[in-house]
Amino acid sequence: MNGTELRDGYVVLDDGTYFVALNTNYELQKAPGFLYKRCARTEDTPQGWECVGGFDTAWKPVNDGKNWRADVDAIYDEETDSDVTIVANNTTRMEAIALLWQHRHTAFSRH
């Protein structure tokens, strides 16, 4: 996906505020994706949305297909040294997408 263009064919979920889009650099059936939240167009968000999460394969894939994870943005936590909340780990791709969508309202938004 280029920085300011999003093809509707790659949007798989959309509630008018949040949407999930697949990464266009992959085959659609295997593509990881991103959770976006619509926001005002600003210098930081000229396209009118910000990325607030995503889903992808885990670092060490396993053979049973349950190697997907999803996370949403969070306020930085010094204790865990992380700015994401993992909402799915070692799941199927469809489970990761579903859990990402289920937790979309918990994602930290900067705009």
C-alpha atoms as a PDB file:
ATOM      1  CA  MET A   1       0.000   0.000   0.000  1.00  0.00           C
ATOM      2  CA  ASN A   2       1.439   3.320  -0.818  1.00  0.00           C
ATOM      3  CA  GLY A   3       1.424   6.081   1.773  1.00  0.00           C
ATOM      4  CA  THR A   4      -1.666   7.982   0.683  1.00  0.00           C
ATOM      5  CA  GLU A   5      -3.634   5.484  -1.397  1.00  0.00           C
ATOM      6  CA  LEU A   6      -5.692   2.529  -0.251  1.00  0.00           C
ATOM      7  CA  ARG A   7      -7.442   0.255  -2.662  1.00  0.00           C
ATOM      8  CA  ASP A   8     -10.871  -0.820  -1.427  1.00  0.00           C
ATOM      9  CA  GLY A   9     -10.188  -4.386  -2.594  1.00  0.00           C
ATOM     10  CA  TYR A  10      -7.719  -4.826   0.238  1.00  0.00           C
ATOM     11  CA  VAL A  11     -10.014  -3.606   3.025  1.00  0.00           C
ATOM     12  CA  VAL A  12     -11.450  -6.679   4.746  1.00  0.00           C
ATOM     13  CA  LEU A  13     -13.311  -5.073   7.682  1.00  0.00           C
ATOM     14  CA  ASP A  14     -14.681  -1.551   8.048  1.00  0.00           C
ATOM     15  CA  ASP A  15     -17.053  -0.033  10.611  1.00  0.00           C
ATOM     16  CA  GLY A  16     -16.764   3.564   9.439  1.00  0.00           C
ATOM     17  CA  THR A  17     -14.175   4.488  12.091  1.00  0.00           C
ATOM     18  CA  TYR A  18     -11.760   1.561  12.045  1.00  0.00           C
ATOM     19  CA  PHE A  19     -10.758  -0.654   9.151  1.00  0.00           C
ATOM     20  CA  VAL A  20      -8.469  -3.611   8.538  1.00  0.00           C
ATOM     21  CA  ALA A  21      -6.512  -3.666   5.297  1.00  0.00           C
ATOM     22  CA  LEU A  22      -4.220  -6.339   3.916  1.00  0.00           C
ATOM     23  CA  ASN A  23      -0.600  -5.623   3.035  1.00  0.00           C
ATOM     24  CA  THR A  24      -0.526  -5.402  -0.762  1.00  0.00           C
ATOM     25  CA  ASN A  25       3.056  -6.686  -0.947  1.00  0.00           C
ATOM     26  CA  TYR A  26       1.828 -10.262  -0.286  1.00  0.00           C
ATOM     27  CA  GLU A  27      -0.544 -12.766  -1.851  1.00  0.00           C
ATOM     28  CA  LEU A  28      -3.993 -11.871  -0.520  1.00  0.00           C
ATOM     29  CA  GLN A  29      -4.542 -15.324   1.025  1.00  0.00           C
ATOM     30  CA  LYS A  30      -1.295 -15.046   3.027  1.00  0.00           C
ATOM     31  CA  ALA A  31      -1.068 -11.307   3.575  1.00  0.00           C
ATOM     32  CA  PRO A  32      -0.515  -9.748   6.977  1.00  0.00           C
ATOM     33  CA  GLY A  33      -2.448  -6.573   7.600  1.00  0.00           C
ATOM     34  CA  PHE A  34      -2.998  -3.400   9.529  1.00  0.00           C
ATOM     35  CA  LEU A  35      -5.667  -1.888  11.751  1.00  0.00           C
ATOM     36  CA  TYR A  36      -6.335   1.742  10.887  1.00  0.00           C
ATOM     37  CA  LYS A  37      -8.408   4.419  12.589  1.00  0.00           C
ATOM     38  CA  ARG A  38      -9.848   7.278  10.596  1.00  0.00           C
ATOM     39  CA  CYS A  39      -8.925  10.732  11.845  1.00  0.00           C
ATOM     40  CA  ALA A  40      -8.709  14.311  10.663  1.00  0.00           C
ATOM     41  CA  ARG A  41      -6.344  15.058   7.805  1.00  0.00           C
ATOM     42  CA  THR A  42      -3.299  16.753   9.250  1.00  0.00           C
ATOM     43  CA  GLU A  43       0.347  17.142   8.366  1.00  0.00           C
ATOM     44  CA  ASP A  44       0.974  13.882  10.285  1.00  0.00           C
ATOM     45  CA  THR A  45      -1.986  12.063   8.716  1.00  0.00           C
ATOM     46  CA  PRO A  46      -2.527  13.505   5.243  1.00  0.00           C
ATOM     47  CA  GLN A  47      -4.470  10.415   4.165  1.00  0.00           C
ATOM     48  CA  GLY A  48      -6.994  10.748   7.004  1.00  0.00           C
ATOM     49  CA  TRP A  49      -6.137   7.613   8.963  1.00  0.00           C
ATOM     50  CA  GLU A  50      -3.480   6.297  11.336  1.00  0.00           C
ATOM     51  CA  CYS A  51      -2.205   2.777  11.868  1.00  0.00           C
ATOM     52  CA  VAL A  52      -3.129   1.567  15.369  1.00  0.00           C
ATOM     53  CA  GLY A  53      -2.394  -2.163  15.131  1.00  0.00           C
ATOM     54  CA  GLY A  54      -1.753  -5.116  12.909  1.00  0.00           C
ATOM     55  CA  PHE A  55      -1.438  -8.835  12.411  1.00  0.00           C
ATOM     56  CA  ASP A  56       1.461 -10.878  11.063  1.00  0.00           C
ATOM     57  CA  THR A  57       3.183 -14.228  11.341  1.00  0.00           C
ATOM     58  CA  ALA A  58       5.233 -14.865  14.464  1.00  0.00           C
ATOM     59  CA  TRP A  59       9.029 -14.761  14.397  1.00  0.00           C
ATOM     60  CA  LYS A  60       9.282 -18.543  14.762  1.00  0.00           C
ATOM     61  CA  PRO A  61       6.502 -20.077  12.675  1.00  0.00           C
ATOM     62  CA  VAL A  62       5.119 -23.467  13.631  1.00  0.00           C
ATOM     63  CA  ASN A  63       3.793 -26.040  11.202  1.00  0.00           C
ATOM     64  CA  ASP A  64       0.192 -26.299  12.420  1.00  0.00           C
ATOM     65  CA  GLY A  65      -0.806 -22.924  10.918  1.00  0.00           C
ATOM     66  CA  LYS A  66      -1.123 -21.326  14.349  1.00  0.00           C
ATOM     67  CA  ASN A  67       1.762 -18.959  13.899  1.00  0.00           C
ATOM     68  CA  TRP A  68      -0.095 -15.658  13.649  1.00  0.00           C
ATOM     69  CA  ARG A  69      -0.182 -12.821  16.153  1.00  0.00           C
ATOM     70  CA  ALA A  70      -1.971  -9.490  16.419  1.00  0.00           C
ATOM     71  CA  ASP A  71      -1.387  -6.387  18.475  1.00  0.00           C
ATOM     72  CA  VAL A  72      -2.866  -2.955  19.034  1.00  0.00           C
ATOM     73  CA  ASP A  73      -0.992   0.225  19.885  1.00  0.00           C
ATOM     74  CA  ALA A  74      -0.735   1.127  23.554  1.00  0.00           C
ATOM     75  CA  ILE A  75       0.797   3.867  25.662  1.00  0.00           C
ATOM     76  CA  TYR A  76       4.474   3.078  26.221  1.00  0.00           C
ATOM     77  CA  ASP A  77       5.036   0.973  29.335  1.00  0.00           C
ATOM     78  CA  GLU A  78       8.519   1.324  30.831  1.00  0.00           C
ATOM     79  CA  GLU A  79       8.117  -1.886  32.825  1.00  0.00           C
ATOM     80  CA  THR A  80       7.547  -4.031  29.735  1.00  0.00           C
ATOM     81  CA  ASP A  81       9.455  -1.698  27.370  1.00  0.00           C
ATOM     82  CA  SER A  82       6.571  -1.981  24.925  1.00  0.00           C
ATOM     83  CA  ASP A  83       4.079   0.268  23.182  1.00  0.00           C
ATOM     84  CA  VAL A  84       1.745  -2.507  21.999  1.00  0.00           C
ATOM     85  CA  THR A  85      -0.728  -4.887  23.579  1.00  0.00           C
ATOM     86  CA  ILE A  86      -0.652  -8.383  22.102  1.00  0.00           C
ATOM     87  CA  VAL A  87      -4.232  -9.510  21.511  1.00  0.00           C
ATOM     88  CA  ALA A  88      -3.489 -12.782  19.685  1.00  0.00           C
ATOM     89  CA  ASN A  89      -0.497 -15.088  19.730  1.00  0.00           C
ATOM     90  CA  ASN A  90       0.037 -18.494  18.129  1.00  0.00           C
ATOM     91  CA  THR A  91      -3.347 -18.447  16.435  1.00  0.00           C
ATOM     92  CA  THR A  92      -4.561 -18.956  12.894  1.00  0.00           C
ATOM     93  CA  ARG A  93      -4.625 -15.995  10.545  1.00  0.00           C
ATOM     94  CA  MET A  94      -8.420 -15.706  10.750  1.00  0.00           C
ATOM     95  CA  GLU A  95      -8.339 -15.846  14.561  1.00  0.00           C
ATOM     96  CA  ALA A  96      -5.693 -13.102  14.598  1.00  0.00           C
ATOM     97  CA  ILE A  97      -7.837 -10.906  12.340  1.00  0.00           C
ATOM     98  CA  ALA A  98     -10.939 -11.553  14.463  1.00  0.00           C
ATOM     99  CA  LEU A  99      -9.151 -10.778  17.740  1.00  0.00           C
ATOM    100  CA  LEU A 100      -7.567  -7.649  16.271  1.00  0.00           C
ATOM    101  CA  TRP A 101     -11.016  -6.470  15.203  1.00  0.00           C
ATOM    102  CA  GLN A 102     -12.527  -7.359  18.569  1.00  0.00           C
ATOM    103  CA  HIS A 103      -9.903  -5.219  20.363  1.00  0.00           C
ATOM    104  CA  ARG A 104      -9.902  -2.266  17.944  1.00  0.00           C
ATOM    105  CA  HIS A 105     -11.498   0.099  20.478  1.00  0.00           C
ATOM    106  CA  THR A 106      -8.669  -0.538  22.962  1.00  0.00           C
ATOM    107  CA  ALA A 107      -5.976   0.671  20.532  1.00  0.00           C
ATOM    108  CA  PHE A 108      -4.142   3.823  21.557  1.00  0.00           C
ATOM    109  CA  SER A 109      -4.735   6.599  19.048  1.00  0.00           C
ATOM    110  CA  ARG A 110      -2.477   9.608  18.677  1.00  0.00           C
ATOM    111  CA  HIS A 111      -5.075  11.657  16.795  1.00  0.00           C
END
